[in-house]
């Protein structure tokens, strides 16, 4: 991989990712067995700039929007879902880092532009107010990408000087300040290495604290007069939509593999010497492809509803944000249906341990259950918004 270098633009980056597909796919099994993405894959993707999609241009990053994030993780997901998930989570963490004051950004990337950040939004930490910041302790499971990161963003509840609750927040902390617990033993997405971070009495200065209440309405601590629009986008909509990229890629990868084998594989206990000769198989392939096309179009529309207002300096209203959440759930639901249909059509051999299809199925099945992308939750929020109800916050504050 020594001949690779940071791509000059996003189209070139996508082309170079495609060139890496054989290596990324070959390393997928190793990643699952070791419960971490193969270091060769990490280094190759770093060399082409796949982890710098959302990084500000002043640090050499692409300063990409939500569509760019989805496109990159989608491209990687066609080769390996676990690798795509790690890249997606690090890129969204880098976007979050770009919302902190410049002092914090300089601490992360000033000396090492290749520094990576992971994130766990859950407010599992407890804090104590001290002069100049907070002291935090806690445990944060499901820290995807933390095995490859230099910093981590973790959630905690802030208190005032008297110990009373003040606000929820996201705290930016060097990875070296955390202990690590090996807890990620799951049915799929094993290579994401989503283990548990542990902090014990770690000091976090005020400039590395992002309060939730202002962030949820687009008031970020790092926003200045010259802040690019990409860093003014809706907080939760961006966090939601990037979780679709890897899944879109997995769906396309499954479709390609099933279609590729259809001209070589017979259908057991029938007269079909090739699956592709069966009209029933042809119908399933067409329906699965259309489901994936529809998911792509919904994600594209969701990205436009995030990126265009951000460029215009506008923060999307509640109805738009709720609809965005529904777009994500709808897309994930239909990706899952397409993959189920394709594996049924492929036959029981798709579930052999030596068949990559079963790993792709398991990987997507796990991340499709992420709380942010649950379809029915998104539909409920959108339905309440359409009906003008004011009890959406009773479902979740994260819209």
Protein backbone atom coordinates (compact mmCIF):
# COMPACT_ATOMS: atom_id res chain seq x y z
CA UNK A 1 0.00 0.00 0.00
CA UNK A 2 3.05 2.28 -0.04
CA UNK A 3 2.05 3.65 -3.46
CA UNK A 4 -1.26 5.00 -2.16
CA UNK A 5 -1.66 8.58 -1.02
CA UNK A 6 -4.41 10.87 0.20
CA UNK A 7 -6.92 11.35 -2.62
CA UNK A 8 -7.21 14.97 -3.84
CA UNK A 9 -11.04 14.89 -3.90
CA UNK A 10 -13.98 12.70 -2.92
CA UNK A 11 -14.64 11.17 -6.39
CA UNK A 12 -11.01 10.07 -6.49
CA UNK A 13 -11.33 8.71 -2.96
CA UNK A 14 -14.34 6.59 -3.98
CA UNK A 15 -12.41 5.24 -6.97
CA UNK A 16 -9.44 4.30 -4.78
CA UNK A 17 -11.72 2.60 -2.26
CA UNK A 18 -13.12 0.48 -5.10
CA UNK A 19 -9.58 -0.51 -6.02
CA UNK A 20 -9.10 -1.71 -2.43
CA UNK A 21 -12.17 -3.98 -2.53
CA UNK A 22 -10.32 -7.29 -3.08
CA UNK A 23 -8.05 -6.66 -0.10
CA UNK A 24 -10.85 -5.38 2.14
CA UNK A 25 -13.05 -8.38 1.28
CA UNK A 26 -10.20 -10.84 1.80
CA UNK A 27 -9.47 -9.33 5.24
CA UNK A 28 -13.11 -9.54 6.33
CA UNK A 29 -12.87 -13.03 7.80
CA UNK A 30 -9.71 -12.13 9.72
CA UNK A 31 -11.49 -9.07 11.10
CA UNK A 32 -14.37 -11.16 12.35
CA UNK A 33 -12.09 -13.77 13.96
CA UNK A 34 -9.93 -11.14 15.67
CA UNK A 35 -12.94 -8.94 16.54
CA UNK A 36 -11.18 -5.92 15.06
CA UNK A 37 -10.64 -4.64 11.53
CA UNK A 38 -7.39 -5.92 10.03
CA UNK A 39 -4.59 -3.39 10.43
CA UNK A 40 -3.75 -3.71 6.73
CA UNK A 41 -7.25 -2.48 5.88
CA UNK A 42 -7.01 0.41 8.35
CA UNK A 43 -3.66 1.54 6.99
CA UNK A 44 -4.76 1.30 3.35
CA UNK A 45 -7.91 3.31 4.00
CA UNK A 46 -5.96 5.87 6.01
CA UNK A 47 -3.51 6.24 3.12
CA UNK A 48 -6.26 7.20 0.68
CA UNK A 49 -7.99 9.51 3.18
CA UNK A 50 -11.10 7.48 4.03
CA UNK A 51 -10.97 8.59 7.67
CA UNK A 52 -10.72 12.28 6.78
CA UNK A 53 -14.04 12.77 5.00
CA UNK A 54 -15.46 15.19 7.60
CA UNK A 55 -12.22 16.71 8.85
CA UNK A 56 -11.91 20.49 8.28
CA UNK A 57 -9.90 21.46 5.22
CA UNK A 58 -7.48 23.48 7.34
CA UNK A 59 -6.18 20.14 8.65
CA UNK A 60 -6.09 18.60 5.18
CA UNK A 61 -9.51 16.95 5.37
CA UNK A 62 -12.24 16.81 2.72
CA UNK A 63 -14.74 18.80 4.82
CA UNK A 64 -17.45 16.53 3.42
CA UNK A 65 -21.18 16.71 4.10
CA UNK A 66 -23.56 13.92 5.12
CA UNK A 67 -23.85 12.65 1.53
CA UNK A 68 -20.08 12.31 1.34
CA UNK A 69 -20.04 10.31 4.57
CA UNK A 70 -22.73 7.95 3.30
CA UNK A 71 -21.03 7.51 -0.09
CA UNK A 72 -17.69 6.58 1.46
CA UNK A 73 -19.03 4.05 3.96
CA UNK A 74 -21.36 2.65 1.26
CA UNK A 75 -18.37 2.10 -1.04
CA UNK A 76 -16.46 0.29 1.70
CA UNK A 77 -19.51 -1.70 2.80
CA UNK A 78 -19.72 -3.46 -0.56
CA UNK A 79 -16.43 -5.13 0.37
CA UNK A 80 -16.78 -5.52 4.15
CA UNK A 81 -19.47 -4.29 6.52
CA UNK A 82 -17.38 -4.20 9.69
CA UNK A 83 -14.71 -2.06 8.07
CA UNK A 84 -17.37 0.29 6.68
CA UNK A 85 -18.99 0.65 10.10
CA UNK A 86 -15.68 1.59 11.73
CA UNK A 87 -14.93 4.15 9.00
CA UNK A 88 -18.44 5.62 9.29
CA UNK A 89 -18.25 5.94 13.08
CA UNK A 90 -14.82 7.54 12.98
CA UNK A 91 -15.91 10.01 10.31
CA UNK A 92 -18.99 11.05 12.27
CA UNK A 93 -16.81 11.39 15.37
CA UNK A 94 -14.47 13.63 13.40
CA UNK A 95 -17.48 15.70 12.33
CA UNK A 96 -18.52 16.02 15.98
CA UNK A 97 -14.96 17.05 16.88
CA UNK A 98 -15.25 19.83 14.29
CA UNK A 99 -18.13 21.32 16.31
CA UNK A 100 -15.87 21.95 19.32
CA UNK A 101 -13.88 25.20 19.68
CA UNK A 102 -10.75 25.52 17.59
CA UNK A 103 -8.58 24.97 20.64
CA UNK A 104 -10.01 21.47 20.97
CA UNK A 105 -9.65 20.78 17.24
CA UNK A 106 -6.02 21.88 17.36
CA UNK A 107 -5.38 19.52 20.27
CA UNK A 108 -6.76 16.61 18.24
CA UNK A 109 -5.29 17.32 14.79
CA UNK A 110 -2.68 20.03 15.25
CA UNK A 111 0.27 17.66 15.49
CA UNK A 112 -1.33 14.60 13.90
CA UNK A 113 -3.78 15.31 11.04
CA UNK A 114 -4.43 11.54 10.83
CA UNK A 115 -5.76 11.37 14.41
CA UNK A 116 -9.03 9.46 14.66
CA UNK A 117 -11.90 9.90 17.11
CA UNK A 118 -14.60 7.46 18.29
CA UNK A 119 -17.90 8.26 19.99
CA UNK A 120 -20.45 6.84 22.44
CA UNK A 121 -23.34 9.28 22.84
CA UNK A 122 -24.97 7.52 25.80
CA UNK A 123 -24.71 9.68 28.92
CA UNK A 124 -23.22 6.88 31.04
CA UNK A 125 -20.73 9.13 32.79
CA UNK A 126 -21.03 11.09 36.01
CA UNK A 127 -19.27 14.38 36.54
CA UNK A 128 -18.06 16.76 39.20
CA UNK A 129 -17.67 20.47 38.51
CA UNK A 130 -14.16 21.79 39.20
CA UNK A 131 -12.27 24.91 38.29
CA UNK A 132 -11.97 25.12 34.49
CA UNK A 133 -13.94 22.00 33.64
CA UNK A 134 -15.29 18.69 34.90
CA UNK A 135 -13.99 15.47 36.38
CA UNK A 136 -15.72 12.48 34.77
CA UNK A 137 -16.02 8.78 35.59
CA UNK A 138 -18.01 6.04 33.91
CA UNK A 139 -18.17 3.15 31.49
CA UNK A 140 -19.25 3.42 27.85
CA UNK A 141 -20.01 0.19 25.95
CA UNK A 142 -20.34 -0.19 22.20
CA UNK A 143 -17.40 2.10 21.42
CA UNK A 144 -17.15 1.23 17.72
CA UNK A 145 -13.81 2.16 16.18
CA UNK A 146 -12.15 2.85 19.53
CA UNK A 147 -9.47 0.21 18.84
CA UNK A 148 -8.17 2.44 16.06
CA UNK A 149 -8.76 5.87 17.62
CA UNK A 150 -6.57 8.46 19.33
CA UNK A 151 -9.46 10.31 21.03
CA UNK A 152 -12.99 9.50 22.18
CA UNK A 153 -16.18 11.48 22.66
CA UNK A 154 -18.36 10.12 25.46
CA UNK A 155 -21.66 11.21 26.98
CA UNK A 156 -22.12 12.33 30.59
CA UNK A 157 -24.52 14.31 32.74
CA UNK A 158 -23.12 17.63 33.91
CA UNK A 159 -23.75 19.04 37.36
CA UNK A 160 -23.26 22.50 38.81
CA UNK A 161 -21.09 23.45 41.80
CA UNK A 162 -23.81 22.18 44.16
CA UNK A 163 -24.05 18.80 42.43
CA UNK A 164 -27.39 19.50 40.77
CA UNK A 165 -28.08 18.33 37.21
CA UNK A 166 -27.21 21.01 34.68
CA UNK A 167 -27.26 19.45 31.20
CA UNK A 168 -26.23 16.35 29.28
CA UNK A 169 -23.00 16.72 27.32
CA UNK A 170 -20.43 15.10 25.05
CA UNK A 171 -16.87 15.17 26.39
CA UNK A 172 -13.79 14.97 24.16
CA UNK A 173 -11.01 12.99 25.86
CA UNK A 174 -7.66 11.51 24.74
CA UNK A 175 -7.92 7.76 24.22
CA UNK A 176 -4.92 7.34 26.55
CA UNK A 177 -7.08 8.55 29.46
CA UNK A 178 -9.38 5.51 29.20
CA UNK A 179 -9.06 1.95 30.39
CA UNK A 180 -10.54 -0.68 28.09
CA UNK A 181 -12.82 -3.65 28.77
CA UNK A 182 -13.19 -6.48 26.24
CA UNK A 183 -16.98 -6.93 26.07
CA UNK A 184 -17.92 -7.14 22.37
CA UNK A 185 -19.07 -10.74 21.84
CA UNK A 186 -21.91 -10.62 19.34
CA UNK A 187 -23.56 -12.49 16.45
CA UNK A 188 -22.53 -9.96 13.78
CA UNK A 189 -20.43 -6.87 13.11
CA UNK A 190 -17.75 -8.49 15.26
CA UNK A 191 -14.87 -6.67 13.60
CA UNK A 192 -16.19 -3.28 14.75
CA UNK A 193 -14.49 -3.96 18.10
CA UNK A 194 -17.28 -2.10 19.91
CA UNK A 195 -15.93 -2.76 23.38
CA UNK A 196 -16.23 -0.68 26.56
CA UNK A 197 -14.29 2.48 27.47
CA UNK A 198 -13.73 3.24 31.15
CA UNK A 199 -12.80 6.57 32.75
CA UNK A 200 -11.90 7.06 36.39
CA UNK A 201 -11.66 10.65 37.63
CA UNK A 202 -10.54 12.13 34.30
CA UNK A 203 -10.34 15.92 34.03
CA UNK A 204 -11.98 17.46 30.94
CA UNK A 205 -11.48 21.20 30.34
CA UNK A 206 -14.48 23.34 29.40
CA UNK A 207 -13.35 23.78 25.79
CA UNK A 208 -13.74 20.01 25.28
CA UNK A 209 -17.32 19.92 26.59
CA UNK A 210 -20.29 20.16 24.19
CA UNK A 211 -23.62 20.68 25.96
CA UNK A 212 -26.60 18.79 24.55
CA UNK A 213 -29.37 21.37 24.99
CA UNK A 214 -27.86 24.00 22.68
CA UNK A 215 -26.43 21.36 20.31
CA UNK A 216 -29.87 19.86 19.71
CA UNK A 217 -30.97 23.15 18.15
CA UNK A 218 -27.76 23.73 16.19
CA UNK A 219 -25.83 25.95 18.61
CA UNK A 220 -22.39 24.37 18.66
CA UNK A 221 -19.51 25.64 20.81
CA UNK A 222 -17.16 25.87 17.83
CA UNK A 223 -19.44 27.87 15.52
CA UNK A 224 -17.82 31.11 14.39
CA UNK A 225 -18.63 33.63 11.69
CA UNK A 226 -16.53 31.78 9.11
CA UNK A 227 -17.59 28.24 10.09
CA UNK A 228 -18.46 26.27 6.91
CA UNK A 229 -22.07 25.18 6.43
CA UNK A 230 -21.20 21.50 6.78
CA UNK A 231 -20.54 22.16 10.48
CA UNK A 232 -23.88 23.88 10.97
CA UNK A 233 -26.02 20.87 10.00
CA UNK A 234 -28.64 19.35 12.28
CA UNK A 235 -26.89 17.36 15.00
CA UNK A 236 -29.18 14.32 15.27
CA UNK A 237 -30.09 14.07 11.55
CA UNK A 238 -26.40 13.82 10.66
CA UNK A 239 -25.77 11.25 13.39
CA UNK A 240 -28.69 9.16 12.11
CA UNK A 241 -28.07 9.20 8.38
CA UNK A 242 -24.45 8.10 8.49
CA UNK A 243 -25.55 4.77 9.98
CA UNK A 244 -27.12 3.85 6.63
CA UNK A 245 -23.97 3.96 4.50
CA UNK A 246 -22.44 0.66 5.57
CA UNK A 247 -25.84 -1.02 5.29
CA UNK A 248 -26.44 0.27 1.76
CA UNK A 249 -23.02 -1.07 0.82
CA UNK A 250 -23.66 -4.48 2.36
CA UNK A 251 -26.97 -4.73 0.48
CA UNK A 252 -25.28 -3.97 -2.83
CA UNK A 253 -22.49 -6.41 -2.07
CA UNK A 254 -24.99 -9.19 -1.35
CA UNK A 255 -26.89 -8.42 -4.56
CA UNK A 256 -23.72 -8.57 -6.66
CA UNK A 257 -22.53 -11.85 -5.13
CA UNK A 258 -25.91 -13.58 -5.50
CA UNK A 259 -26.30 -12.39 -9.11
CA UNK A 260 -22.72 -13.42 -9.93
CA UNK A 261 -23.28 -17.00 -8.72
CA UNK A 262 -26.67 -17.33 -10.38
CA UNK A 263 -25.19 -18.46 -13.71
CA UNK A 264 -23.07 -21.15 -12.06
CA UNK A 265 -25.29 -22.59 -9.33
CA UNK A 266 -28.20 -24.96 -9.83
CA UNK A 267 -31.40 -25.09 -7.77
CA UNK A 268 -31.50 -28.32 -5.79
CA UNK A 269 -34.35 -30.78 -6.45
CA UNK A 270 -35.43 -28.96 -9.61
CA UNK A 271 -34.56 -29.18 -13.28
CA UNK A 272 -32.87 -25.75 -13.19
CA UNK A 273 -29.17 -26.15 -13.87
CA UNK A 274 -28.72 -22.43 -13.27
CA UNK A 275 -30.56 -20.24 -10.78
CA UNK A 276 -30.71 -17.53 -13.43
CA UNK A 277 -33.01 -19.73 -15.55
CA UNK A 278 -35.73 -19.64 -12.90
CA UNK A 279 -38.40 -16.97 -13.38
CA UNK A 280 -39.02 -17.00 -9.62
CA UNK A 281 -35.33 -16.27 -9.03
CA UNK A 282 -35.40 -13.48 -11.63
CA UNK A 283 -38.37 -11.88 -9.89
CA UNK A 284 -36.64 -12.02 -6.50
CA UNK A 285 -33.48 -10.44 -7.89
CA UNK A 286 -35.51 -7.64 -9.47
CA UNK A 287 -37.53 -6.96 -6.31
CA UNK A 288 -34.42 -6.97 -4.11
CA UNK A 289 -32.63 -4.57 -6.47
CA UNK A 290 -35.63 -2.23 -6.44
CA UNK A 291 -35.77 -2.30 -2.65
CA UNK A 292 -32.10 -1.29 -2.55
CA UNK A 293 -32.69 1.40 -5.19
CA UNK A 294 -35.53 2.80 -3.11
CA UNK A 295 -33.40 2.78 0.04
CA UNK A 296 -30.67 4.66 -1.84
CA UNK A 297 -33.17 7.28 -3.02
CA UNK A 298 -34.61 7.80 0.45
CA UNK A 299 -31.11 8.23 1.88
CA UNK A 300 -30.23 10.68 -0.88
CA UNK A 301 -33.35 12.70 -0.11
CA UNK A 302 -32.53 12.64 3.60
CA UNK A 303 -29.02 13.91 2.89
CA UNK A 304 -30.39 16.79 0.81
CA UNK A 305 -32.70 17.78 3.67
CA UNK A 306 -29.62 17.90 5.91
CA UNK A 307 -26.98 19.39 3.62
CA UNK A 308 -28.92 22.08 1.72
CA UNK A 309 -30.24 23.89 4.81
CA UNK A 310 -26.80 23.67 6.39
CA UNK A 311 -25.23 25.39 3.39
CA UNK A 312 -27.94 28.05 3.53
CA UNK A 313 -27.32 28.62 7.24
CA UNK A 314 -30.76 27.32 8.22
CA UNK A 315 -31.56 24.81 10.94
CA UNK A 316 -34.30 22.32 9.89
CA UNK A 317 -37.59 22.43 11.78
CA UNK A 318 -39.00 19.64 13.90
CA UNK A 319 -41.17 18.16 11.13
CA UNK A 320 -38.18 17.89 8.78
CA UNK A 321 -36.00 16.36 11.49
CA UNK A 322 -38.69 13.82 12.39
CA UNK A 323 -39.18 12.96 8.71
CA UNK A 324 -35.44 12.48 8.38
CA UNK A 325 -35.54 9.95 11.20
CA UNK A 326 -38.36 8.13 9.36
CA UNK A 327 -36.37 8.16 6.11
CA UNK A 328 -33.53 6.39 7.89
CA UNK A 329 -35.79 3.75 9.43
CA UNK A 330 -37.58 3.13 6.13
CA UNK A 331 -34.29 2.69 4.29
CA UNK A 332 -32.88 0.29 6.86
CA UNK A 333 -36.10 -1.75 6.90
CA UNK A 334 -35.98 -2.19 3.12
CA UNK A 335 -32.27 -3.01 3.05
CA UNK A 336 -33.00 -5.77 5.54
CA UNK A 337 -35.88 -7.07 3.43
CA UNK A 338 -33.74 -7.07 0.29
CA UNK A 339 -30.94 -9.03 1.95
CA UNK A 340 -33.38 -11.56 3.44
CA UNK A 341 -34.92 -12.06 -0.01
CA UNK A 342 -31.55 -12.47 -1.68
CA UNK A 343 -30.28 -15.04 0.83
CA UNK A 344 -33.50 -17.03 0.54
CA UNK A 345 -33.10 -17.04 -3.23
CA UNK A 346 -29.43 -17.98 -2.96
CA UNK A 347 -30.33 -21.09 -0.98
CA UNK A 348 -29.15 -22.74 2.22
CA UNK A 349 -25.54 -22.79 1.00
CA UNK A 350 -25.46 -19.05 1.66
CA UNK A 351 -25.39 -19.86 5.38
CA UNK A 352 -22.30 -22.05 5.26
CA UNK A 353 -19.51 -20.62 7.42
CA UNK A 354 -17.20 -20.47 4.40
CA UNK A 355 -19.71 -18.33 2.50
CA UNK A 356 -19.19 -14.59 2.91
CA UNK A 357 -22.92 -14.01 2.40
CA UNK A 358 -23.79 -15.24 5.88
CA UNK A 359 -21.33 -12.81 7.47
CA UNK A 360 -22.74 -9.93 5.45
CA UNK A 361 -26.24 -10.94 6.53
CA UNK A 362 -25.24 -11.09 10.20
CA UNK A 363 -23.35 -7.79 10.05
CA UNK A 364 -26.31 -5.90 8.61
CA UNK A 365 -28.79 -7.64 10.90
CA UNK A 366 -26.90 -6.37 13.96
CA UNK A 367 -26.50 -2.73 12.90
CA UNK A 368 -30.11 -2.63 11.67
CA UNK A 369 -31.05 -2.89 15.36
CA UNK A 370 -29.12 0.23 16.36
CA UNK A 371 -31.46 2.41 18.42
CA UNK A 372 -31.01 5.40 16.11
CA UNK A 373 -32.28 3.55 13.03
CA UNK A 374 -35.18 1.49 14.43
CA UNK A 375 -37.92 1.89 11.80
CA UNK A 376 -40.98 1.97 14.05
CA UNK A 377 -39.45 4.63 16.30
CA UNK A 378 -38.80 6.83 13.27
CA UNK A 379 -42.32 6.26 11.94
CA UNK A 380 -43.86 7.11 15.31
CA UNK A 381 -41.92 10.36 15.57
CA UNK A 382 -42.85 11.36 12.03
CA UNK A 383 -46.48 10.41 12.57
CA UNK A 384 -46.68 12.54 15.71
CA UNK A 385 -45.08 15.46 13.87
CA UNK A 386 -47.52 15.15 10.96
CA UNK A 387 -50.43 15.18 13.37
CA UNK A 388 -49.11 18.23 15.18
CA UNK A 389 -48.74 16.37 18.43
CA UNK A 390 -46.37 17.72 21.04
CA UNK A 391 -45.52 14.43 22.75
CA UNK A 392 -42.67 13.47 20.42
CA UNK A 393 -40.19 14.21 23.18
CA UNK A 394 -41.89 11.55 25.25
CA UNK A 395 -40.53 9.07 22.72
CA UNK A 396 -37.02 10.50 22.45
CA UNK A 397 -35.20 13.79 22.89
CA UNK A 398 -32.88 12.89 20.03
CA UNK A 399 -34.59 14.37 16.99
